[in-house]
Amino acid sequence: METSVVTTKGQIVIPSKIRKRYQIKEGTKIQFKEEGNKIVLEPVTPDFVRSLRGSLKGTGVLETLMEERRKDRERENESR
């Protein structure tokens, strides 16, 4: 287990072994998620983005988005 200390600015250093394993480089975005009483850090790398491909398939997200856009257009037209 690796540890790091939080600075007065709230910053931490990700140990080099972990940075190399997860291809974290300067400029890599890190996503923070809370899971119960834990904080999970996920690097937003090309591998991470590829792993999400298809994860929303069949959930109706596209239909919901299209319906919301349609409602927005209707509201816009009504306000003119």
PDB file of N, CA and C in Angstrom:
ATOM      1  N   MET A   1       0.852  -1.180   0.000  1.00  0.00           N
ATOM      2  CA  MET A   1       0.000   0.000   0.000  1.00  0.00           C
ATOM      3  C   MET A   1       0.892   1.235   0.000  1.00  0.00           C
ATOM      4  N   GLU A   2       0.579   2.152  -0.874  1.00  0.00           N
ATOM      5  CA  GLU A   2       1.319   3.410  -0.978  1.00  0.00           C
ATOM      6  C   GLU A   2       0.576   4.493  -0.198  1.00  0.00           C
ATOM      7  N   THR A   3       1.313   5.433   0.367  1.00  0.00           N
ATOM      8  CA  THR A   3       0.680   6.551   1.077  1.00  0.00           C
ATOM      9  C   THR A   3       1.254   7.864   0.583  1.00  0.00           C
ATOM     10  N   SER A   4       0.517   8.914   0.830  1.00  0.00           N
ATOM     11  CA  SER A   4       0.936  10.262   0.463  1.00  0.00           C
ATOM     12  C   SER A   4       0.390  11.203   1.532  1.00  0.00           C
ATOM     13  N   VAL A   5       0.973  12.397   1.619  1.00  0.00           N
ATOM     14  CA  VAL A   5       0.558  13.383   2.608  1.00  0.00           C
ATOM     15  C   VAL A   5      -0.095  14.557   1.880  1.00  0.00           C
ATOM     16  N   VAL A   6      -1.197  15.041   2.415  1.00  0.00           N
ATOM     17  CA  VAL A   6      -1.903  16.182   1.822  1.00  0.00           C
ATOM     18  C   VAL A   6      -1.180  17.466   2.215  1.00  0.00           C
ATOM     19  N   THR A   7      -0.937  18.348   1.230  1.00  0.00           N
ATOM     20  CA  THR A   7      -0.272  19.622   1.500  1.00  0.00           C
ATOM     21  C   THR A   7      -1.286  20.633   2.022  1.00  0.00           C
ATOM     22  N   THR A   8      -0.807  21.795   2.417  1.00  0.00           N
ATOM     23  CA  THR A   8      -1.708  22.851   2.901  1.00  0.00           C
ATOM     24  C   THR A   8      -2.662  23.323   1.812  1.00  0.00           C
ATOM     25  N   LYS A   9      -2.307  23.086   0.538  1.00  0.00           N
ATOM     26  CA  LYS A   9      -3.170  23.458  -0.584  1.00  0.00           C
ATOM     27  C   LYS A   9      -4.125  22.331  -0.970  1.00  0.00           C
ATOM     28  N   GLY A  10      -4.111  21.236  -0.214  1.00  0.00           N
ATOM     29  CA  GLY A  10      -4.995  20.111  -0.511  1.00  0.00           C
ATOM     30  C   GLY A  10      -4.474  19.206  -1.612  1.00  0.00           C
ATOM     31  N   GLN A  11      -3.191  19.311  -1.927  1.00  0.00           N
ATOM     32  CA  GLN A  11      -2.618  18.501  -3.001  1.00  0.00           C
ATOM     33  C   GLN A  11      -1.978  17.240  -2.439  1.00  0.00           C
ATOM     34  N   ILE A  12      -1.934  16.196  -3.296  1.00  0.00           N
ATOM     35  CA  ILE A  12      -1.236  14.970  -2.932  1.00  0.00           C
ATOM     36  C   ILE A  12      -0.324  14.575  -4.084  1.00  0.00           C
ATOM     37  N   VAL A  13       0.660  13.741  -3.800  1.00  0.00           N
ATOM     38  CA  VAL A  13       1.532  13.200  -4.833  1.00  0.00           C
ATOM     39  C   VAL A  13       1.124  11.756  -5.050  1.00  0.00           C
ATOM     40  N   ILE A  14       0.864  11.393  -6.309  1.00  0.00           N
ATOM     41  CA  ILE A  14       0.565  10.006  -6.642  1.00  0.00           C
ATOM     42  C   ILE A  14       1.907   9.305  -6.820  1.00  0.00           C
ATOM     43  N   PRO A  15       2.185   8.266  -6.059  1.00  0.00           N
ATOM     44  CA  PRO A  15       3.481   7.583  -6.156  1.00  0.00           C
ATOM     45  C   PRO A  15       3.801   7.156  -7.589  1.00  0.00           C
ATOM     46  N   SER A  16       5.058   7.237  -7.971  1.00  0.00           N
ATOM     47  CA  SER A  16       5.482   6.983  -9.358  1.00  0.00           C
ATOM     48  C   SER A  16       5.111   5.579  -9.826  1.00  0.00           C
ATOM     49  N   LYS A  17       5.181   4.591  -8.955  1.00  0.00           N
ATOM     50  CA  LYS A  17       4.820   3.222  -9.321  1.00  0.00           C
ATOM     51  C   LYS A  17       3.366   3.157  -9.806  1.00  0.00           C
ATOM     52  N   ILE A  18       2.494   3.867  -9.117  1.00  0.00           N
ATOM     53  CA  ILE A  18       1.076   3.895  -9.485  1.00  0.00           C
ATOM     54  C   ILE A  18       0.873   4.718 -10.747  1.00  0.00           C
ATOM     55  N   ARG A  19       1.568   5.857 -10.873  1.00  0.00           N
ATOM     56  CA  ARG A  19       1.460   6.692 -12.088  1.00  0.00           C
ATOM     57  C   ARG A  19       1.846   5.886 -13.319  1.00  0.00           C
ATOM     58  N   LYS A  20       2.938   5.126 -13.215  1.00  0.00           N
ATOM     59  CA  LYS A  20       3.388   4.322 -14.365  1.00  0.00           C
ATOM     60  C   LYS A  20       2.380   3.234 -14.700  1.00  0.00           C
ATOM     61  N   ARG A  21       1.872   2.544 -13.685  1.00  0.00           N
ATOM     62  CA  ARG A  21       0.936   1.428 -13.905  1.00  0.00           C
ATOM     63  C   ARG A  21      -0.333   1.894 -14.610  1.00  0.00           C
ATOM     64  N   TYR A  22      -0.801   3.102 -14.266  1.00  0.00           N
ATOM     65  CA  TYR A  22      -2.060   3.598 -14.823  1.00  0.00           C
ATOM     66  C   TYR A  22      -1.865   4.681 -15.877  1.00  0.00           C
ATOM     67  N   GLN A  23      -0.641   4.829 -16.358  1.00  0.00           N
ATOM     68  CA  GLN A  23      -0.306   5.767 -17.440  1.00  0.00           C
ATOM     69  C   GLN A  23      -0.736   7.186 -17.118  1.00  0.00           C
ATOM     70  N   ILE A  24      -0.503   7.611 -15.878  1.00  0.00           N
ATOM     71  CA  ILE A  24      -0.837   8.969 -15.463  1.00  0.00           C
ATOM     72  C   ILE A  24       0.369   9.851 -15.739  1.00  0.00           C
ATOM     73  N   LYS A  25       0.154  10.848 -16.595  1.00  0.00           N
ATOM     74  CA  LYS A  25       1.227  11.772 -16.959  1.00  0.00           C
ATOM     75  C   LYS A  25       0.775  13.185 -16.639  1.00  0.00           C
ATOM     76  N   GLU A  26       1.681  14.131 -16.780  1.00  0.00           N
ATOM     77  CA  GLU A  26       1.320  15.536 -16.567  1.00  0.00           C
ATOM     78  C   GLU A  26       0.137  15.884 -17.461  1.00  0.00           C
ATOM     79  N   GLY A  27      -0.878  16.495 -16.886  1.00  0.00           N
ATOM     80  CA  GLY A  27      -2.054  16.884 -17.638  1.00  0.00           C
ATOM     81  C   GLY A  27      -3.168  15.843 -17.640  1.00  0.00           C
ATOM     82  N   THR A  28      -2.903  14.634 -17.130  1.00  0.00           N
ATOM     83  CA  THR A  28      -3.948  13.606 -17.067  1.00  0.00           C
ATOM     84  C   THR A  28      -5.025  14.055 -16.088  1.00  0.00           C
ATOM     85  N   LYS A  29      -6.276  13.967 -16.508  1.00  0.00           N
ATOM     86  CA  LYS A  29      -7.374  14.320 -15.614  1.00  0.00           C
ATOM     87  C   LYS A  29      -7.646  13.138 -14.696  1.00  0.00           C
ATOM     88  N   ILE A  30      -8.019  13.451 -13.471  1.00  0.00           N
ATOM     89  CA  ILE A  30      -8.344  12.436 -12.474  1.00  0.00           C
ATOM     90  C   ILE A  30      -9.789  12.661 -12.046  1.00  0.00           C
ATOM     91  N   GLN A  31     -10.560  11.594 -12.062  1.00  0.00           N
ATOM     92  CA  GLN A  31     -11.966  11.648 -11.647  1.00  0.00           C
ATOM     93  C   GLN A  31     -12.051  11.157 -10.204  1.00  0.00           C
ATOM     94  N   PHE A  32     -12.756  11.904  -9.349  1.00  0.00           N
ATOM     95  CA  PHE A  32     -12.937  11.541  -7.947  1.00  0.00           C
ATOM     96  C   PHE A  32     -14.341  11.006  -7.759  1.00  0.00           C
ATOM     97  N   LYS A  33     -14.447   9.826  -7.137  1.00  0.00           N
ATOM     98  CA  LYS A  33     -15.762   9.258  -6.834  1.00  0.00           C
ATOM     99  C   LYS A  33     -15.795   8.888  -5.362  1.00  0.00           C
ATOM    100  N   GLU A  34     -16.954   9.080  -4.754  1.00  0.00           N
ATOM    101  CA  GLU A  34     -17.144   8.646  -3.374  1.00  0.00           C
ATOM    102  C   GLU A  34     -17.880   7.317  -3.399  1.00  0.00           C
ATOM    103  N   GLU A  35     -17.339   6.341  -2.700  1.00  0.00           N
ATOM    104  CA  GLU A  35     -17.977   5.035  -2.575  1.00  0.00           C
ATOM    105  C   GLU A  35     -18.033   4.713  -1.089  1.00  0.00           C
ATOM    106  N   GLY A  36     -19.187   4.959  -0.508  1.00  0.00           N
ATOM    107  CA  GLY A  36     -19.306   4.770   0.942  1.00  0.00           C
ATOM    108  C   GLY A  36     -18.418   5.774   1.644  1.00  0.00           C
ATOM    109  N   ASN A  37     -17.520   5.295   2.469  1.00  0.00           N
ATOM    110  CA  ASN A  37     -16.602   6.201   3.163  1.00  0.00           C
ATOM    111  C   ASN A  37     -15.220   6.215   2.512  1.00  0.00           C
ATOM    112  N   LYS A  38     -15.153   5.864   1.221  1.00  0.00           N
ATOM    113  CA  LYS A  38     -13.892   5.836   0.477  1.00  0.00           C
ATOM    114  C   LYS A  38     -13.914   6.870  -0.641  1.00  0.00           C
ATOM    115  N   ILE A  39     -12.739   7.352  -0.990  1.00  0.00           N
ATOM    116  CA  ILE A  39     -12.568   8.227  -2.152  1.00  0.00           C
ATOM    117  C   ILE A  39     -11.797   7.416  -3.188  1.00  0.00           C
ATOM    118  N   VAL A  40     -12.363   7.271  -4.373  1.00  0.00           N
ATOM    119  CA  VAL A  40     -11.728   6.506  -5.444  1.00  0.00           C
ATOM    120  C   VAL A  40     -11.256   7.485  -6.510  1.00  0.00           C
ATOM    121  N   LEU A  41      -9.983   7.381  -6.891  1.00  0.00           N
ATOM    122  CA  LEU A  41      -9.410   8.223  -7.938  1.00  0.00           C
ATOM    123  C   LEU A  41      -9.295   7.389  -9.207  1.00  0.00           C
ATOM    124  N   GLU A  42      -9.844   7.886 -10.318  1.00  0.00           N
ATOM    125  CA  GLU A  42      -9.743   7.184 -11.590  1.00  0.00           C
ATOM    126  C   GLU A  42      -9.116   8.104 -12.619  1.00  0.00           C
ATOM    127  N   PRO A  43      -8.007   7.693 -13.229  1.00  0.00           N
ATOM    128  CA  PRO A  43      -7.421   8.520 -14.281  1.00  0.00           C
ATOM    129  C   PRO A  43      -8.291   8.460 -15.528  1.00  0.00           C
ATOM    130  N   VAL A  44      -8.485   9.608 -16.156  1.00  0.00           N
ATOM    131  CA  VAL A  44      -9.265   9.669 -17.392  1.00  0.00           C
ATOM    132  C   VAL A  44      -8.257   9.586 -18.538  1.00  0.00           C
ATOM    133  N   THR A  45      -7.851   8.354 -18.838  1.00  0.00           N
ATOM    134  CA  THR A  45      -6.888   8.074 -19.905  1.00  0.00           C
ATOM    135  C   THR A  45      -7.636   7.465 -21.086  1.00  0.00           C
ATOM    136  N   PRO A  46      -6.981   7.346 -22.244  1.00  0.00           N
ATOM    137  CA  PRO A  46      -7.649   6.694 -23.375  1.00  0.00           C
ATOM    138  C   PRO A  46      -8.158   5.292 -23.027  1.00  0.00           C
ATOM    139  N   ASP A  47      -7.398   4.525 -22.231  1.00  0.00           N
ATOM    140  CA  ASP A  47      -7.848   3.188 -21.825  1.00  0.00           C
ATOM    141  C   ASP A  47      -9.126   3.275 -20.999  1.00  0.00           C
ATOM    142  N   PHE A  48      -9.199   4.250 -20.086  1.00  0.00           N
ATOM    143  CA  PHE A  48     -10.390   4.430 -19.260  1.00  0.00           C
ATOM    144  C   PHE A  48     -11.592   4.777 -20.127  1.00  0.00           C
ATOM    145  N   VAL A  49     -11.405   5.701 -21.068  1.00  0.00           N
ATOM    146  CA  VAL A  49     -12.497   6.120 -21.952  1.00  0.00           C
ATOM    147  C   VAL A  49     -12.966   4.931 -22.790  1.00  0.00           C
ATOM    148  N   ARG A  50     -12.018   4.128 -23.320  1.00  0.00           N
ATOM    149  CA  ARG A  50     -12.392   2.943 -24.099  1.00  0.00           C
ATOM    150  C   ARG A  50     -13.184   1.953 -23.246  1.00  0.00           C
ATOM    151  N   SER A  51     -12.835   1.844 -21.970  1.00  0.00           N
ATOM    152  CA  SER A  51     -13.532   0.896 -21.094  1.00  0.00           C
ATOM    153  C   SER A  51     -14.993   1.281 -20.886  1.00  0.00           C
ATOM    154  N   LEU A  52     -15.337   2.548 -21.098  1.00  0.00           N
ATOM    155  CA  LEU A  52     -16.718   3.003 -20.933  1.00  0.00           C
ATOM    156  C   LEU A  52     -17.577   2.739 -22.165  1.00  0.00           C
ATOM    157  N   ARG A  53     -16.929   2.433 -23.276  1.00  0.00           N
ATOM    158  CA  ARG A  53     -17.653   2.252 -24.529  1.00  0.00           C
ATOM    159  C   ARG A  53     -18.717   1.168 -24.369  1.00  0.00           C
ATOM    160  N   GLY A  54     -19.948   1.506 -24.686  1.00  0.00           N
ATOM    161  CA  GLY A  54     -21.043   0.554 -24.615  1.00  0.00           C
ATOM    162  C   GLY A  54     -21.664   0.407 -23.233  1.00  0.00           C
ATOM    163  N   SER A  55     -21.135   1.115 -22.235  1.00  0.00           N
ATOM    164  CA  SER A  55     -21.639   0.929 -20.874  1.00  0.00           C
ATOM    165  C   SER A  55     -23.051   1.465 -20.685  1.00  0.00           C
ATOM    166  N   LEU A  56     -23.498   2.370 -21.548  1.00  0.00           N
ATOM    167  CA  LEU A  56     -24.854   2.921 -21.431  1.00  0.00           C
ATOM    168  C   LEU A  56     -25.822   2.288 -22.419  1.00  0.00           C
ATOM    169  N   LYS A  57     -25.354   1.306 -23.162  1.00  0.00           N
ATOM    170  CA  LYS A  57     -26.170   0.652 -24.181  1.00  0.00           C
ATOM    171  C   LYS A  57     -27.416   0.042 -23.542  1.00  0.00           C
ATOM    172  N   GLY A  58     -28.550   0.337 -24.146  1.00  0.00           N
ATOM    173  CA  GLY A  58     -29.796  -0.249 -23.689  1.00  0.00           C
ATOM    174  C   GLY A  58     -30.405   0.422 -22.472  1.00  0.00           C
ATOM    175  N   THR A  59     -29.832   1.538 -22.027  1.00  0.00           N
ATOM    176  CA  THR A  59     -30.366   2.198 -20.834  1.00  0.00           C
ATOM    177  C   THR A  59     -31.366   3.289 -21.182  1.00  0.00           C
ATOM    178  N   GLY A  60     -31.540   3.588 -22.485  1.00  0.00           N
ATOM    179  CA  GLY A  60     -32.497   4.614 -22.878  1.00  0.00           C
ATOM    180  C   GLY A  60     -31.962   6.028 -22.739  1.00  0.00           C
ATOM    181  N   VAL A  61     -30.650   6.177 -22.568  1.00  0.00           N
ATOM    182  CA  VAL A  61     -30.062   7.504 -22.378  1.00  0.00           C
ATOM    183  C   VAL A  61     -30.277   8.375 -23.608  1.00  0.00           C
ATOM    184  N   LEU A  62     -30.078   7.818 -24.791  1.00  0.00           N
ATOM    185  CA  LEU A  62     -30.228   8.603 -26.025  1.00  0.00           C
ATOM    186  C   LEU A  62     -31.669   9.088 -26.186  1.00  0.00           C
ATOM    187  N   GLU A  63     -32.621   8.203 -25.928  1.00  0.00           N
ATOM    188  CA  GLU A  63     -34.025   8.587 -26.057  1.00  0.00           C
ATOM    189  C   GLU A  63     -34.379   9.705 -25.066  1.00  0.00           C
ATOM    190  N   THR A  64     -33.884   9.591 -23.849  1.00  0.00           N
ATOM    191  CA  THR A  64     -34.130  10.611 -22.821  1.00  0.00           C
ATOM    192  C   THR A  64     -33.524  11.945 -23.244  1.00  0.00           C
ATOM    193  N   LEU A  65     -32.289  11.912 -23.753  1.00  0.00           N
ATOM    194  CA  LEU A  65     -31.624  13.131 -24.204  1.00  0.00           C
ATOM    195  C   LEU A  65     -32.397  13.780 -25.349  1.00  0.00           C
ATOM    196  N   MET A  66     -32.830  12.983 -26.319  1.00  0.00           N
ATOM    197  CA  MET A  66     -33.573  13.523 -27.458  1.00  0.00           C
ATOM    198  C   MET A  66     -34.901  14.132 -26.995  1.00  0.00           C
ATOM    199  N   GLU A  67     -35.565  13.496 -26.049  1.00  0.00           N
ATOM    200  CA  GLU A  67     -36.835  14.029 -25.523  1.00  0.00           C
ATOM    201  C   GLU A  67     -36.603  15.366 -24.819  1.00  0.00           C
ATOM    202  N   GLU A  68     -35.528  15.459 -24.029  1.00  0.00           N
ATOM    203  CA  GLU A  68     -35.209  16.718 -23.341  1.00  0.00           C
ATOM    204  C   GLU A  68     -34.906  17.823 -24.341  1.00  0.00           C
ATOM    205  N   ARG A  69     -34.187  17.509 -25.388  1.00  0.00           N
ATOM    206  CA  ARG A  69     -33.888  18.513 -26.416  1.00  0.00           C
ATOM    207  C   ARG A  69     -35.163  18.980 -27.107  1.00  0.00           C
ATOM    208  N   ARG A  70     -36.078  18.041 -27.382  1.00  0.00           N
ATOM    209  CA  ARG A  70     -37.337  18.395 -28.017  1.00  0.00           C
ATOM    210  C   ARG A  70     -38.130  19.352 -27.128  1.00  0.00           C
ATOM    211  N   LYS A  71     -38.170  19.056 -25.820  1.00  0.00           N
ATOM    212  CA  LYS A  71     -38.879  19.925 -24.883  1.00  0.00           C
ATOM    213  C   LYS A  71     -38.238  21.313 -24.827  1.00  0.00           C
ATOM    214  N   ASP A  72     -36.893  21.353 -24.847  1.00  0.00           N
ATOM    215  CA  ASP A  72     -36.191  22.640 -24.836  1.00  0.00           C
ATOM    216  C   ASP A  72     -36.551  23.471 -26.061  1.00  0.00           C
ATOM    217  N   ARG A  73     -36.609  22.827 -27.242  1.00  0.00           N
ATOM    218  CA  ARG A  73     -36.971  23.544 -28.478  1.00  0.00           C
ATOM    219  C   ARG A  73     -38.403  24.078 -28.393  1.00  0.00           C
ATOM    220  N   GLU A  74     -39.296  23.259 -27.842  1.00  0.00           N
ATOM    221  CA  GLU A  74     -40.689  23.697 -27.701  1.00  0.00           C
ATOM    222  C   GLU A  74     -40.782  24.912 -26.769  1.00  0.00           C
ATOM    223  N   ARG A  75     -40.063  24.870 -25.651  1.00  0.00           N
ATOM    224  CA  ARG A  75     -40.065  26.000 -24.721  1.00  0.00           C
ATOM    225  C   ARG A  75     -39.492  27.246 -25.388  1.00  0.00           C
ATOM    226  N   GLU A  76     -38.448  27.072 -26.170  1.00  0.00           N
ATOM    227  CA  GLU A  76     -37.828  28.185 -26.881  1.00  0.00           C
ATOM    228  C   GLU A  76     -38.829  28.812 -27.844  1.00  0.00           C
ATOM    229  N   ASN A  77     -39.532  27.969 -28.594  1.00  0.00           N
ATOM    230  CA  ASN A  77     -40.521  28.472 -29.561  1.00  0.00           C
ATOM    231  C   ASN A  77     -41.668  29.171 -28.867  1.00  0.00           C
ATOM    232  N   GLU A  78     -42.084  28.684 -27.711  1.00  0.00           N
ATOM    233  CA  GLU A  78     -43.180  29.299 -26.961  1.00  0.00           C
ATOM    234  C   GLU A  78     -42.778  30.675 -26.436  1.00  0.00           C
ATOM    235  N   SER A  79     -41.527  30.851 -26.083  1.00  0.00           N
ATOM    236  CA  SER A  79     -41.080  32.120 -25.491  1.00  0.00           C
ATOM    237  C   SER A  79     -40.840  33.210 -26.528  1.00  0.00           C
ATOM    238  N   ARG A  80     -40.902  32.866 -27.811  1.00  0.00           N
ATOM    239  CA  ARG A  80     -40.666  33.849 -28.879  1.00  0.00           C
ATOM    240  C   ARG A  80     -41.873  34.656 -29.189  1.00  0.00           C
TER     241      ARG A  80
END
